[in-house]
C-alpha atoms as a PDB file:
ATOM      1  CA  MET A   1      20.773   6.821  19.279  1.00  0.00           C
ATOM      2  CA  GLU A   2      19.050   9.281  16.423  1.00  0.00           C
ATOM      3  CA  ASN A   3      17.125  10.140  19.654  1.00  0.00           C
ATOM      4  CA  ILE A   4      20.032  11.215  21.244  1.00  0.00           C
ATOM      5  CA  LEU A   5      21.266  13.632  18.491  1.00  0.00           C
ATOM      6  CA  ILE A   6      17.739  15.364  18.626  1.00  0.00           C
ATOM      7  CA  PHE A   7      18.082  15.633  22.428  1.00  0.00           C
ATOM      8  CA  MET A   8      21.574  17.301  21.730  1.00  0.00           C
ATOM      9  CA  ALA A   9      20.158  19.409  19.410  1.00  0.00           C
ATOM     10  CA  GLY A  10      17.209  20.805  21.464  1.00  0.00           C
ATOM     11  CA  THR A  11      19.793  20.970  24.518  1.00  0.00           C
ATOM     12  CA  SER A  12      22.249  23.063  22.372  1.00  0.00           C
ATOM     13  CA  LEU A  13      19.576  25.222  21.008  1.00  0.00           C
ATOM     14  CA  SER A  14      17.966  26.031  24.376  1.00  0.00           C
ATOM     15  CA  GLY A  15      21.342  27.062  25.297  1.00  0.00           C
ATOM     16  CA  TRP A  16      21.437  29.669  22.725  1.00  0.00           C
ATOM     17  CA  PHE A  17      18.065  30.839  23.303  1.00  0.00           C
ATOM     18  CA  ALA A  18      19.057  31.121  26.886  1.00  0.00           C
ATOM     19  CA  TRP A  19      22.305  33.052  26.597  1.00  0.00           C
ATOM     20  CA  THR A  20      20.965  35.188  23.724  1.00  0.00           C
ATOM     21  CA  PHE A  21      17.541  36.495  25.590  1.00  0.00           C
ATOM     22  CA  TYR A  22      19.196  36.112  29.825  1.00  0.00           C
ATOM     23  CA  PRO A  23      22.707  37.413  28.754  1.00  0.00           C
ATOM     24  CA  ASN A  24      22.871  38.058  32.511  1.00  0.00           C
ATOM     25  CA  GLY A  25      21.762  34.163  33.520  1.00  0.00           C
ATOM     26  CA  ALA A  26      18.434  35.345  35.281  1.00  0.00           C
ATOM     27  CA  GLY A  27      16.059  32.738  33.761  1.00  0.00           C
ATOM     28  CA  SER A  28      18.500  30.720  31.639  1.00  0.00           C
ATOM     29  CA  SER A  29      18.617  27.451  33.842  1.00  0.00           C
ATOM     30  CA  GLN A  30      14.935  27.500  33.922  1.00  0.00           C
ATOM     31  CA  VAL A  31      14.596  27.699  29.580  1.00  0.00           C
ATOM     32  CA  ILE A  32      17.330  24.818  29.702  1.00  0.00           C
ATOM     33  CA  VAL A  33      15.314  22.687  32.107  1.00  0.00           C
ATOM     34  CA  SER A  34      12.184  23.119  30.588  1.00  0.00           C
ATOM     35  CA  ALA A  35      13.859  22.506  27.276  1.00  0.00           C
ATOM     36  CA  ILE A  36      15.223  18.949  28.667  1.00  0.00           C
ATOM     37  CA  LEU A  37      11.915  18.327  30.293  1.00  0.00           C
ATOM     38  CA  PHE A  38      10.050  18.565  26.648  1.00  0.00           C
ATOM     39  CA  LEU A  39      12.362  16.746  24.854  1.00  0.00           C
ATOM     40  CA  ALA A  40      12.569  14.179  27.162  1.00  0.00           C
ATOM     41  CA  LYS A  41       8.631  13.440  26.536  1.00  0.00           C
ATOM     42  CA  PRO A  42       9.251  11.769  22.991  1.00  0.00           C
ATOM     43  CA  PHE A  43      11.917   9.723  24.454  1.00  0.00           C
ATOM     44  CA  LEU A  44       9.185   8.106  26.819  1.00  0.00           C
ATOM     45  CA  LYS A  45       6.989   7.775  23.845  1.00  0.00           C
ATOM     46  CA  ILE A  46       9.009   6.084  21.848  1.00  0.00           C
ATOM     47  CA  ARG A  47      10.417   3.728  24.026  1.00  0.00           C
ATOM     48  CA  LEU A  48       6.746   2.993  25.237  1.00  0.00           C
ATOM     49  CA  ARG A  49       6.006   2.223  21.312  1.00  0.00           C
ATOM     50  CA  LYS A  50       9.037  -0.076  20.916  1.00  0.00           C
ATOM     51  CA  LYS A  51       7.645  -2.139  23.908  1.00  0.00           C
ATOM     52  CA  PHE A  52       4.303  -2.470  22.386  1.00  0.00           C
ATOM     53  CA  PHE A  53       5.074  -3.666  18.877  1.00  0.00           C
ATOM     54  CA  HIS A  54       7.884  -6.157  21.029  1.00  0.00           C
ATOM     55  CA  GLN A  55       5.049  -7.703  22.453  1.00  0.00           C
ATOM     56  CA  TYR A  56       2.481  -7.353  19.710  1.00  0.00           C
ATOM     57  CA  PRO A  57       3.429 -10.464  18.002  1.00  0.00           C
ATOM     58  CA  ASP A  58       3.039 -12.771  20.768  1.00  0.00           C
ATOM     59  CA  ALA A  59      -0.078 -11.247  21.507  1.00  0.00           C
ATOM     60  CA  LEU A  60      -1.349 -12.392  18.342  1.00  0.00           C
ATOM     61  CA  GLU A  61      -0.344 -15.385  18.565  1.00  0.00           C
ATOM     62  CA  MET A  62      -1.573 -15.880  22.074  1.00  0.00           C
ATOM     63  CA  ILE A  63      -5.313 -14.949  20.470  1.00  0.00           C
ATOM     64  CA  ALA A  64      -4.621 -17.792  17.527  1.00  0.00           C
ATOM     65  CA  ASN A  65      -3.743 -20.113  20.182  1.00  0.00           C
ATOM     66  CA  HIS A  66      -6.901 -19.710  22.364  1.00  0.00           C
ATOM     67  CA  LEU A  67      -9.212 -19.502  19.109  1.00  0.00           C
ATOM     68  CA  THR A  68      -7.502 -23.141  17.991  1.00  0.00           C
ATOM     69  CA  ALA A  69      -8.155 -24.398  21.486  1.00  0.00           C
ATOM     70  CA  GLY A  70     -11.909 -23.777  20.789  1.00  0.00           C
ATOM     71  CA  GLN A  71     -12.615 -20.269  22.353  1.00  0.00           C
ATOM     72  CA  SER A  72     -14.462 -17.532  21.089  1.00  0.00           C
ATOM     73  CA  PHE A  73     -12.407 -14.309  20.020  1.00  0.00           C
ATOM     74  CA  SER A  74     -14.380 -12.232  22.917  1.00  0.00           C
ATOM     75  CA  SER A  75     -12.929 -14.943  25.315  1.00  0.00           C
ATOM     76  CA  SER A  76      -9.285 -14.653  23.761  1.00  0.00           C
ATOM     77  CA  PHE A  77      -9.280 -11.094  23.524  1.00  0.00           C
ATOM     78  CA  GLN A  78     -10.459 -11.254  27.541  1.00  0.00           C
ATOM     79  CA  ASN A  79      -7.509 -13.334  28.147  1.00  0.00           C
ATOM     80  CA  LEU A  80      -5.327 -11.310  26.517  1.00  0.00           C
ATOM     81  CA  CYS A  81      -6.388  -8.057  28.431  1.00  0.00           C
ATOM     82  CA  LYS A  82      -5.988 -10.046  31.695  1.00  0.00           C
ATOM     83  CA  SER A  83      -2.800 -12.443  31.483  1.00  0.00           C
ATOM     84  CA  GLY A  84      -0.945  -9.670  28.879  1.00  0.00           C
ATOM     85  CA  GLU A  85       1.966  -7.070  29.894  1.00  0.00           C
ATOM     86  CA  GLU A  86       1.575  -3.907  29.836  1.00  0.00           C
ATOM     87  CA  PRO A  87       1.703  -1.493  27.805  1.00  0.00           C
ATOM     88  CA  LEU A  88      -0.305  -3.806  25.636  1.00  0.00           C
ATOM     89  CA  ALA A  89      -2.630  -5.271  27.690  1.00  0.00           C
ATOM     90  CA  GLY A  90      -3.653  -1.587  29.073  1.00  0.00           C
ATOM     91  CA  GLU A  91      -4.517  -0.564  25.473  1.00  0.00           C
ATOM     92  CA  PHE A  92      -6.456  -3.407  24.577  1.00  0.00           C
ATOM     93  CA  GLU A  93      -8.486  -3.361  27.664  1.00  0.00           C
ATOM     94  CA  SER A  94      -9.266   0.025  26.664  1.00  0.00           C
ATOM     95  CA  ALA A  95     -10.581  -1.004  23.268  1.00  0.00           C
ATOM     96  CA  TRP A  96     -12.446  -3.856  25.098  1.00  0.00           C
ATOM     97  CA  HIS A  97     -14.074  -1.385  27.124  1.00  0.00           C
ATOM     98  CA  THR A  98     -14.451   0.805  24.198  1.00  0.00           C
ATOM     99  CA  PHE A  99     -16.264  -1.927  22.600  1.00  0.00           C
ATOM    100  CA  GLN A 100     -18.337  -2.955  25.557  1.00  0.00           C
ATOM    101  CA  LEU A 101     -19.863   0.707  25.856  1.00  0.00           C
ATOM    102  CA  SER A 102     -20.265   1.108  21.937  1.00  0.00           C
ATOM    103  CA  GLY A 103     -21.525  -2.272  21.277  1.00  0.00           C
ATOM    104  CA  SER A 104     -19.020  -2.382  18.183  1.00  0.00           C
ATOM    105  CA  LEU A 105     -16.177  -4.189  18.400  1.00  0.00           C
ATOM    106  CA  GLU A 106     -14.700  -2.228  14.998  1.00  0.00           C
ATOM    107  CA  LYS A 107     -14.937   1.061  16.819  1.00  0.00           C
ATOM    108  CA  GLY A 108     -13.099  -0.263  19.867  1.00  0.00           C
ATOM    109  CA  LEU A 109     -10.570  -1.699  17.658  1.00  0.00           C
ATOM    110  CA  SER A 110     -10.302   1.447  15.331  1.00  0.00           C
ATOM    111  CA  LEU A 111      -9.431   3.547  18.627  1.00  0.00           C
ATOM    112  CA  LEU A 112      -6.498   1.233  19.058  1.00  0.00           C
ATOM    113  CA  SER A 113      -5.445   1.545  15.422  1.00  0.00           C
ATOM    114  CA  GLU A 114      -5.671   5.880  15.793  1.00  0.00           C
ATOM    115  CA  ARG A 115      -3.814   5.378  19.088  1.00  0.00           C
ATOM    116  CA  TRP A 116      -0.918   3.100  17.732  1.00  0.00           C
ATOM    117  CA  PRO A 117      -0.578   3.754  13.993  1.00  0.00           C
ATOM    118  CA  HIS A 118       0.845   0.884  12.175  1.00  0.00           C
ATOM    119  CA  TRP A 119       0.115  -1.585   9.410  1.00  0.00           C
ATOM    120  CA  GLY A 120       0.084  -4.388  11.547  1.00  0.00           C
ATOM    121  CA  ILE A 121      -2.789  -2.888  13.757  1.00  0.00           C
ATOM    122  CA  GLU A 122      -4.791  -1.922  10.422  1.00  0.00           C
ATOM    123  CA  ALA A 123      -4.067  -5.407   9.135  1.00  0.00           C
ATOM    124  CA  PHE A 124      -5.503  -6.921  12.976  1.00  0.00           C
ATOM    125  CA  VAL A 125      -8.665  -4.815  12.611  1.00  0.00           C
ATOM    126  CA  THR A 126      -9.492  -5.432   8.943  1.00  0.00           C
ATOM    127  CA  ALA A 127      -8.918  -9.455   9.621  1.00  0.00           C
ATOM    128  CA  ILE A 128     -11.404  -9.429  12.448  1.00  0.00           C
ATOM    129  CA  SER A 129     -14.039  -7.321  10.417  1.00  0.00           C
ATOM    130  CA  VAL A 130     -13.482  -9.709   7.274  1.00  0.00           C
ATOM    131  CA  SER A 131     -13.381 -13.122   9.308  1.00  0.00           C
ATOM    132  CA  ARG A 132     -16.727 -11.722  11.369  1.00  0.00           C
ATOM    133  CA  HIS A 133     -18.440 -11.439   7.913  1.00  0.00           C
ATOM    134  CA  THR A 134     -16.667 -13.991   5.645  1.00  0.00           C
ATOM    135  CA  GLY A 135     -16.251 -16.682   8.616  1.00  0.00           C
ATOM    136  CA  ALA A 136     -12.179 -16.971   7.293  1.00  0.00           C
ATOM    137  CA  ASN A 137      -9.816 -18.790   9.570  1.00  0.00           C
ATOM    138  CA  LEU A 138      -9.006 -15.956  11.927  1.00  0.00           C
ATOM    139  CA  ALA A 139      -6.318 -18.293  13.991  1.00  0.00           C
ATOM    140  CA  GLU A 140      -4.338 -19.152  10.753  1.00  0.00           C
ATOM    141  CA  ILE A 141      -4.579 -14.984   9.530  1.00  0.00           C
ATOM    142  CA  LEU A 142      -3.257 -13.771  12.875  1.00  0.00           C
ATOM    143  CA  ARG A 143      -0.017 -16.249  12.976  1.00  0.00           C
ATOM    144  CA  LEU A 144       0.687 -14.853   9.433  1.00  0.00           C
ATOM    145  CA  LEU A 145       0.192 -11.444  10.645  1.00  0.00           C
ATOM    146  CA  ALA A 146       2.699 -11.970  14.058  1.00  0.00           C
ATOM    147  CA  GLU A 147       5.166 -13.677  11.238  1.00  0.00           C
ATOM    148  CA  SER A 148       5.196 -10.610   9.257  1.00  0.00           C
ATOM    149  CA  VAL A 149       5.369  -8.243  12.133  1.00  0.00           C
ATOM    150  CA  ARG A 150       8.634  -9.893  13.442  1.00  0.00           C
ATOM    151  CA  GLU A 151      10.242 -10.137  10.141  1.00  0.00           C
ATOM    152  CA  GLU A 152       9.477  -6.322   9.608  1.00  0.00           C
ATOM    153  CA  LYS A 153      11.281  -6.196  13.337  1.00  0.00           C
ATOM    154  CA  ALA A 154      14.085  -8.125  12.100  1.00  0.00           C
ATOM    155  CA  LEU A 155      14.849  -5.896   9.018  1.00  0.00           C
ATOM    156  CA  GLN A 156      14.796  -2.566  11.304  1.00  0.00           C
ATOM    157  CA  ASP A 157      17.102  -4.114  13.845  1.00  0.00           C
ATOM    158  CA  ARG A 158      19.300  -4.783  10.470  1.00  0.00           C
ATOM    159  CA  ILE A 159      18.933  -1.432   8.937  1.00  0.00           C
ATOM    160  CA  GLY A 160      20.034  -0.068  12.256  1.00  0.00           C
ATOM    161  CA  THR A 161      22.947  -2.223  12.849  1.00  0.00           C
ATOM    162  CA  LEU A 162      24.172  -0.913   9.212  1.00  0.00           C
ATOM    163  CA  THR A 163      23.703   2.670   9.976  1.00  0.00           C
ATOM    164  CA  LEU A 164      25.197   2.593  13.760  1.00  0.00           C
ATOM    165  CA  GLN A 165      28.494   3.685  12.953  1.00  0.00           C
ATOM    166  CA  ALA A 166      27.340   6.973  11.436  1.00  0.00           C
ATOM    167  CA  ARG A 167      24.975   7.434  14.260  1.00  0.00           C
ATOM    168  CA  ILE A 168      27.916   6.783  16.780  1.00  0.00           C
ATOM    169  CA  GLN A 169      30.115   9.444  14.785  1.00  0.00           C
ATOM    170  CA  GLY A 170      27.316  11.865  15.133  1.00  0.00           C
ATOM    171  CA  MET A 171      27.139  11.217  18.750  1.00  0.00           C
ATOM    172  CA  ILE A 172      30.808  11.884  18.703  1.00  0.00           C
ATOM    173  CA  ALA A 173      30.990  14.799  16.600  1.00  0.00           C
ATOM    174  CA  VAL A 174      28.002  16.814  18.722  1.00  0.00           C
ATOM    175  CA  ALA A 175      29.611  15.945  21.755  1.00  0.00           C
ATOM    176  CA  ILE A 176      33.046  17.260  21.001  1.00  0.00           C
ATOM    177  CA  PRO A 177      32.514  20.767  21.903  1.00  0.00           C
ATOM    178  CA  TRP A 178      30.474  19.853  24.837  1.00  0.00           C
ATOM    179  CA  LEU A 179      33.532  18.119  26.456  1.00  0.00           C
ATOM    180  CA  LEU A 180      35.983  20.262  25.544  1.00  0.00           C
ATOM    181  CA  LEU A 181      33.845  23.123  27.310  1.00  0.00           C
ATOM    182  CA  ILE A 182      33.552  21.102  30.618  1.00  0.00           C
ATOM    183  CA  ALA A 183      37.258  20.247  30.366  1.00  0.00           C
ATOM    184  CA  GLU A 184      37.972  24.442  29.829  1.00  0.00           C
ATOM    185  CA  LEU A 185      35.633  24.791  33.158  1.00  0.00           C
ATOM    186  CA  PHE A 186      37.648  22.697  35.358  1.00  0.00           C
ATOM    187  CA  ILE A 187      41.077  23.463  33.963  1.00  0.00           C
ATOM    188  CA  TYR A 188      40.792  27.313  33.105  1.00  0.00           C
ATOM    189  CA  PRO A 189      37.734  28.526  35.169  1.00  0.00           C
ATOM    190  CA  GLN A 190      39.330  31.809  35.103  1.00  0.00           C
ATOM    191  CA  SER A 191      39.783  32.067  31.410  1.00  0.00           C
ATOM    192  CA  PHE A 192      36.061  30.917  31.055  1.00  0.00           C
ATOM    193  CA  ALA A 193      34.849  33.466  32.893  1.00  0.00           C
ATOM    194  CA  GLU A 194      36.573  36.408  31.175  1.00  0.00           C
ATOM    195  CA  THR A 195      34.964  35.224  28.095  1.00  0.00           C
ATOM    196  CA  LEU A 196      31.506  35.596  29.662  1.00  0.00           C
ATOM    197  CA  ARG A 197      32.270  39.235  30.896  1.00  0.00           C
ATOM    198  CA  THR A 198      32.933  40.378  26.898  1.00  0.00           C
ATOM    199  CA  SER A 199      29.987  40.862  24.465  1.00  0.00           C
ATOM    200  CA  GLU A 200      32.728  39.197  22.033  1.00  0.00           C
ATOM    201  CA  GLY A 201      32.911  35.952  23.965  1.00  0.00           C
ATOM    202  CA  LYS A 202      29.345  35.861  24.833  1.00  0.00           C
ATOM    203  CA  LEU A 203      28.686  36.271  21.128  1.00  0.00           C
ATOM    204  CA  CYS A 204      31.148  33.494  20.116  1.00  0.00           C
ATOM    205  CA  LEU A 205      29.816  31.184  22.733  1.00  0.00           C
ATOM    206  CA  MET A 206      26.417  31.747  21.420  1.00  0.00           C
ATOM    207  CA  ALA A 207      27.480  31.051  17.773  1.00  0.00           C
ATOM    208  CA  ALA A 208      29.433  27.812  19.099  1.00  0.00           C
ATOM    209  CA  ILE A 209      26.240  26.762  20.734  1.00  0.00           C
ATOM    210  CA  LEU A 210      23.978  27.709  17.769  1.00  0.00           C
ATOM    211  CA  LEU A 211      26.251  25.611  15.200  1.00  0.00           C
ATOM    212  CA  ASP A 212      26.444  22.659  17.700  1.00  0.00           C
ATOM    213  CA  GLY A 213      22.855  22.356  17.586  1.00  0.00           C
ATOM    214  CA  CYS A 214      22.467  22.670  13.591  1.00  0.00           C
ATOM    215  CA  GLY A 215      25.455  20.273  13.498  1.00  0.00           C
ATOM    216  CA  ALA A 216      23.157  17.685  15.440  1.00  0.00           C
ATOM    217  CA  GLY A 217      20.241  17.988  13.344  1.00  0.00           C
ATOM    218  CA  LEU A 218      22.243  17.939  10.183  1.00  0.00           C
ATOM    219  CA  LEU A 219      23.563  14.687  11.323  1.00  0.00           C
ATOM    220  CA  TYR A 220      20.399  13.383  12.351  1.00  0.00           C
ATOM    221  CA  TRP A 221      18.772  14.326   9.138  1.00  0.00           C
ATOM    222  CA  MET A 222      21.576  12.344   7.380  1.00  0.00           C
ATOM    223  CA  ALA A 223      21.512   9.441   9.529  1.00  0.00           C
ATOM    224  CA  ARG A 224      17.783   9.253   8.705  1.00  0.00           C
ATOM    225  CA  GLU A 225      18.140   9.503   4.965  1.00  0.00           C
ATOM    226  CA  ARG A 226      20.639   6.789   4.909  1.00  0.00           C
ATOM    227  CA  GLU A 227      18.291   4.299   6.862  1.00  0.00           C
ATOM    228  CA  GLU A 228      15.414   5.307   4.557  1.00  0.00           C
END
């Protein structure tokens, strides 16, 4: 939900920018639409990352089960690429193609670690490198790693639940000015139009939008501080 606060803050600030530099309305809609599209990209990236790490522990256990059944690591990795779900299967397949082109499994996995920075990915790469040189029980290591990643996810979910009330309060506080503005547009459209005709009214509206965006940013920061 903190991402919604970021979206509201960005939209508010883009509205302030539009009213400041395009007081006659020309180009203001383009500015706001561009800001919304720009802010939507991190949302999609965060959603993709959550889906990837939701699939990650199951992928580790799948490789561990294939290794326990007597398959080689290469065969287990390829089976994951073929039978896994997106986006994880596609990312692991890209790492496998890099390995085939470079001849270095560590290089392919290091690219995976760079694209998805997380201690669980780094531990996966380290475990494979160590097992190749020392002959350690890779299947057992991967099972322990999958369990650790699941425990971290459960802890993050618990923290998110504990901070849910503060984030909802922040969303409501940021949304109230916009709801009042929409209500005024429907109830007193002439009064709002008169506000836009005067320089004082435009100044007040720009100040309100700017302060609303700053408030959303402050509430987001407070929610993050409480989570940490």
